[in-house]
PDB file of N, CA and C in Angstrom:
ATOM      1  N   MET A   1      44.756 198.442  42.947  1.00  0.00           N
ATOM      2  CA  MET A   1      44.435 197.896  44.076  1.00  0.00           C
ATOM      3  C   MET A   1      43.754 197.356  44.770  1.00  0.00           C
ATOM      4  N   LYS A   2      42.649 197.159  43.943  1.00  0.00           N
ATOM      5  CA  LYS A   2      41.803 195.988  45.022  1.00  0.00           C
ATOM      6  C   LYS A   2      42.233 194.517  45.442  1.00  0.00           C
ATOM      7  N   ILE A   3      43.392 194.305  45.255  1.00  0.00           N
ATOM      8  CA  ILE A   3      43.765 193.158  45.624  1.00  0.00           C
ATOM      9  C   ILE A   3      44.409 193.604  46.804  1.00  0.00           C
ATOM     10  N   MET A   4      45.297 194.836  46.873  1.00  0.00           N
ATOM     11  CA  MET A   4      45.582 195.325  48.023  1.00  0.00           C
ATOM     12  C   MET A   4      45.262 195.913  48.945  1.00  0.00           C
ATOM     13  N   SER A   5      43.879 195.716  49.038  1.00  0.00           N
ATOM     14  CA  SER A   5      42.892 195.670  50.141  1.00  0.00           C
ATOM     15  C   SER A   5      42.378 194.455  50.454  1.00  0.00           C
ATOM     16  N   ILE A   6      42.841 193.753  50.004  1.00  0.00           N
ATOM     17  CA  ILE A   6      42.050 192.440  50.385  1.00  0.00           C
ATOM     18  C   ILE A   6      43.039 191.613  51.423  1.00  0.00           C
ATOM     19  N   PHE A   7      44.276 192.172  50.800  1.00  0.00           N
ATOM     20  CA  PHE A   7      46.043 191.816  51.887  1.00  0.00           C
ATOM     21  C   PHE A   7      46.060 192.383  53.453  1.00  0.00           C
ATOM     22  N   ALA A   8      45.864 193.422  53.327  1.00  0.00           N
ATOM     23  CA  ALA A   8      45.815 194.642  53.709  1.00  0.00           C
ATOM     24  C   ALA A   8      45.575 194.382  55.433  1.00  0.00           C
ATOM     25  N   ASN A   9      44.610 193.362  55.917  1.00  0.00           N
ATOM     26  CA  ASN A   9      43.970 193.594  57.116  1.00  0.00           C
ATOM     27  C   ASN A   9      45.351 191.689  57.444  1.00  0.00           C
ATOM     28  N   LYS A  10      45.477 191.665  57.289  1.00  0.00           N
ATOM     29  CA  LYS A  10      46.145 189.877  56.898  1.00  0.00           C
ATOM     30  C   LYS A  10      47.180 189.952  57.535  1.00  0.00           C
ATOM     31  N   GLU A  11      47.882 189.112  57.943  1.00  0.00           N
ATOM     32  CA  GLU A  11      48.844 188.952  58.594  1.00  0.00           C
ATOM     33  C   GLU A  11      50.142 188.162  56.744  1.00  0.00           C
ATOM     34  N   PRO A  12      51.457 188.210  57.590  1.00  0.00           N
ATOM     35  CA  PRO A  12      52.449 188.191  56.158  1.00  0.00           C
ATOM     36  C   PRO A  12      52.177 186.624  56.658  1.00  0.00           C
ATOM     37  N   GLY A  13      52.626 185.410  55.116  1.00  0.00           N
ATOM     38  CA  GLY A  13      52.774 184.285  56.367  1.00  0.00           C
ATOM     39  C   GLY A  13      53.702 183.963  56.825  1.00  0.00           C
ATOM     40  N   MET A  14      55.027 184.840  57.177  1.00  0.00           N
ATOM     41  CA  MET A  14      55.932 183.870  58.253  1.00  0.00           C
ATOM     42  C   MET A  14      55.183 184.587  60.158  1.00  0.00           C
ATOM     43  N   GLY A  15      54.458 185.260  59.892  1.00  0.00           N
ATOM     44  CA  GLY A  15      53.733 185.799  61.120  1.00  0.00           C
ATOM     45  C   GLY A  15      52.591 185.253  61.698  1.00  0.00           C
ATOM     46  N   ASN A  16      52.276 184.069  60.749  1.00  0.00           N
ATOM     47  CA  ASN A  16      51.301 183.133  60.702  1.00  0.00           C
ATOM     48  C   ASN A  16      52.520 182.092  61.441  1.00  0.00           C
ATOM     49  N   PHE A  17      53.290 181.783  60.695  1.00  0.00           N
ATOM     50  CA  PHE A  17      53.880 180.000  60.994  1.00  0.00           C
ATOM     51  C   PHE A  17      55.224 180.609  62.485  1.00  0.00           C
ATOM     52  N   ILE A  18      55.350 181.436  62.608  1.00  0.00           N
ATOM     53  CA  ILE A  18      55.851 182.125  63.371  1.00  0.00           C
ATOM     54  C   ILE A  18      54.811 182.063  64.878  1.00  0.00           C
ATOM     55  N   LYS A  19      53.557 182.690  65.113  1.00  0.00           N
ATOM     56  CA  LYS A  19      53.120 182.626  65.527  1.00  0.00           C
ATOM     57  C   LYS A  19      52.154 180.984  66.177  1.00  0.00           C
ATOM     58  N   GLN A  20      52.241 180.186  64.758  1.00  0.00           N
ATOM     59  CA  GLN A  20      51.844 178.627  64.972  1.00  0.00           C
ATOM     60  C   GLN A  20      52.855 177.574  66.469  1.00  0.00           C
ATOM     61  N   GLN A  21      54.304 178.290  65.920  1.00  0.00           N
ATOM     62  CA  GLN A  21      55.692 178.003  66.620  1.00  0.00           C
ATOM     63  C   GLN A  21      54.857 178.555  68.216  1.00  0.00           C
ATOM     64  N   GLU A  22      54.821 179.296  68.122  1.00  0.00           N
ATOM     65  CA  GLU A  22      55.494 180.119  69.648  1.00  0.00           C
ATOM     66  C   GLU A  22      53.747 178.708  70.237  1.00  0.00           C
ATOM     67  N   GLU A  23      52.901 178.929  69.625  1.00  0.00           N
ATOM     68  CA  GLU A  23      51.552 177.835  70.060  1.00  0.00           C
ATOM     69  C   GLU A  23      52.081 176.670  70.270  1.00  0.00           C
ATOM     70  N   ARG A  24      52.452 175.825  69.313  1.00  0.00           N
ATOM     71  CA  ARG A  24      53.068 175.062  69.694  1.00  0.00           C
ATOM     72  C   ARG A  24      54.254 174.949  71.549  1.00  0.00           C
ATOM     73  N   LYS A  25      54.617 175.121  71.434  1.00  0.00           N
ATOM     74  CA  LYS A  25      55.804 175.039  71.660  1.00  0.00           C
ATOM     75  C   LYS A  25      55.240 175.865  73.160  1.00  0.00           C
ATOM     76  N   ASP A  26      54.280 176.500  73.532  1.00  0.00           N
ATOM     77  CA  ASP A  26      53.650 176.520  74.669  1.00  0.00           C
ATOM     78  C   ASP A  26      52.719 175.162  75.073  1.00  0.00           C
ATOM     79  N   ALA A  27      52.603 174.537  74.225  1.00  0.00           N
ATOM     80  CA  ALA A  27      51.580 173.465  73.989  1.00  0.00           C
ATOM     81  C   ALA A  27      52.310 172.661  75.425  1.00  0.00           C
ATOM     82  N   LYS A  28      53.729 172.622  74.498  1.00  0.00           N
ATOM     83  CA  LYS A  28      54.624 171.476  74.766  1.00  0.00           C
ATOM     84  C   LYS A  28      54.914 172.207  76.028  1.00  0.00           C
ATOM     85  N   GLU A  29      55.282 173.243  76.348  1.00  0.00           N
ATOM     86  CA  GLU A  29      55.244 173.688  77.588  1.00  0.00           C
ATOM     87  C   GLU A  29      54.773 172.724  78.645  1.00  0.00           C
ATOM     88  N   ARG A  30      53.186 173.361  78.202  1.00  0.00           N
ATOM     89  CA  ARG A  30      52.129 173.067  79.588  1.00  0.00           C
ATOM     90  C   ARG A  30      52.108 171.166  79.489  1.00  0.00           C
ATOM     91  N   ASP A  31      52.275 170.399  78.256  1.00  0.00           N
ATOM     92  CA  ASP A  31      52.388 169.060  78.644  1.00  0.00           C
ATOM     93  C   ASP A  31      53.252 168.160  79.451  1.00  0.00           C
ATOM     94  N   ARG A  32      54.467 169.035  79.414  1.00  0.00           N
ATOM     95  CA  ARG A  32      55.598 168.943  80.380  1.00  0.00           C
ATOM     96  C   ARG A  32      55.731 169.521  81.505  1.00  0.00           C
ATOM     97  N   LEU A  33      54.273 170.078  81.976  1.00  0.00           N
ATOM     98  CA  LEU A  33      54.171 170.899  83.430  1.00  0.00           C
ATOM     99  C   LEU A  33      53.538 169.928  84.026  1.00  0.00           C
ATOM    100  N   ARG A  34      52.124 169.302  82.324  1.00  0.00           N
ATOM    101  CA  ARG A  34      51.655 168.149  83.526  1.00  0.00           C
ATOM    102  C   ARG A  34      51.620 167.070  83.575  1.00  0.00           C
ATOM    103  N   ARG A  35      52.433 166.466  82.740  1.00  0.00           N
ATOM    104  CA  ARG A  35      53.530 164.909  83.143  1.00  0.00           C
ATOM    105  C   ARG A  35      54.559 165.163  84.155  1.00  0.00           C
ATOM    106  N   ASP A  36      54.841 166.302  84.735  1.00  0.00           N
ATOM    107  CA  ASP A  36      56.274 166.642  85.894  1.00  0.00           C
ATOM    108  C   ASP A  36      54.867 166.753  87.197  1.00  0.00           C
ATOM    109  N   LYS A  37      54.112 167.189  87.039  1.00  0.00           N
ATOM    110  CA  LYS A  37      53.043 167.498  88.148  1.00  0.00           C
ATOM    111  C   LYS A  37      52.001 165.754  88.326  1.00  0.00           C
ATOM    112  N   ILE A  38      51.540 165.301  87.502  1.00  0.00           N
ATOM    113  CA  ILE A  38      51.205 163.574  87.670  1.00  0.00           C
ATOM    114  C   ILE A  38      52.874 162.836  87.953  1.00  0.00           C
ATOM    115  N   ALA A  39      53.662 163.435  88.009  1.00  0.00           N
ATOM    116  CA  ALA A  39      54.625 162.188  88.530  1.00  0.00           C
ATOM    117  C   ALA A  39      54.528 162.332  89.058  1.00  0.00           C
ATOM    118  N   GLY A  40      55.129 163.584  89.357  1.00  0.00           N
ATOM    119  CA  GLY A  40      55.168 163.377  91.626  1.00  0.00           C
ATOM    120  C   GLY A  40      54.466 163.140  92.630  1.00  0.00           C
ATOM    121  N   TYR A  41      52.343 163.336  91.467  1.00  0.00           N
ATOM    122  CA  TYR A  41      51.578 163.328  92.706  1.00  0.00           C
ATOM    123  C   TYR A  41      52.157 160.852  92.715  1.00  0.00           C
ATOM    124  N   PHE A  42      52.140 160.857  91.214  1.00  0.00           N
ATOM    125  CA  PHE A  42      52.118 158.968  91.392  1.00  0.00           C
ATOM    126  C   PHE A  42      52.889 158.876  91.955  1.00  0.00           C
ATOM    127  N   PHE A  43      54.468 159.899  93.129  1.00  0.00           N
ATOM    128  CA  PHE A  43      55.995 158.999  93.474  1.00  0.00           C
ATOM    129  C   PHE A  43      55.786 159.458  95.403  1.00  0.00           C
ATOM    130  N   ASN A  44      54.265 160.603  95.238  1.00  0.00           N
ATOM    131  CA  ASN A  44      53.991 160.549  96.774  1.00  0.00           C
ATOM    132  C   ASN A  44      53.001 159.615  97.468  1.00  0.00           C
ATOM    133  N   VAL A  45      52.336 158.931  96.201  1.00  0.00           N
ATOM    134  CA  VAL A  45      51.431 157.329  97.142  1.00  0.00           C
ATOM    135  C   VAL A  45      52.312 157.029  96.732  1.00  0.00           C
ATOM    136  N   LEU A  46      53.116 156.615  95.781  1.00  0.00           N
ATOM    137  CA  LEU A  46      54.302 155.043  96.121  1.00  0.00           C
ATOM    138  C   LEU A  46      55.154 155.497  97.222  1.00  0.00           C
ATOM    139  N   SER A  47      55.780 156.353  97.772  1.00  0.00           N
ATOM    140  CA  SER A  47      56.497 157.056  98.829  1.00  0.00           C
ATOM    141  C   SER A  47      55.866 156.229 100.145  1.00  0.00           C
ATOM    142  N   LYS A  48      54.894 156.629 100.160  1.00  0.00           N
ATOM    143  CA  LYS A  48      53.775 156.176 101.031  1.00  0.00           C
ATOM    144  C   LYS A  48      53.383 154.980 102.046  1.00  0.00           C
TER     145      LYS A  48
END
């Protein structure tokens, strides 16, 4: 029973994997938006 109490508070292994996948996906989306915004600024500077 002691072993069960150690693992009772932790997420299952796949839960951590899914959470990491979501965090990576969010980071990629933020990077894409950041690049698009920078490209827009650069385009505006060149078009003036």
